[in-house]
């Protein structure tokens, strides 16, 4: 009797371990969750986030002459996006373009923006162009990109742009989280 109870207890424990492992595998393959964002920059139904990159980079501005005087004008971003483990996933540059290490890319077009705090705005962008890379297609199915949790990146103070600095560029550090979305395939 004791032996059968011991075997039964071990079997139940083993099933518990298998069940827990299966639950972890399901969570691991579920992908990132939908972030809580203002309605203006929420991604429409029928899409799911599949990749999150934590960006560290700069927003580049140029001092230009304008009709009313002088002003800083946004030129381009330049950033590297990393996963939670610090591995480089994607580079971000003019376009705005994101290119994965496999060469695949997505070019975005701003749909809407929301100012949150004292940093560059949070954005919703739609994919205007995508492509496979020389070694894969990680970003090729992207439909939307969100830029969230921004810090820094605002244009330099207006008073620092004048006749003596026309043509001068400034690189302003920023960080952000970028969520890449794809169609759910209904």
Foldseek 3Di string as FASTA:
>chain_A
DVVVVVVVVVVVVVVVVVVVVVVVVCVVQVADAQDDDPPQQHDDPQKGFHDKWKKKWWFKWFWAQDPVFIFIDTDKIWIFTADPVRHTAWTAIPLRKIAGPQGKIFRWDFPDWDDDPDAPTKTKTATPDIDAHPRGHPQRQFGIKIWAPKDKHDDPDGVVHGPVRHGPMDIIIMITMMTTMGGPPD
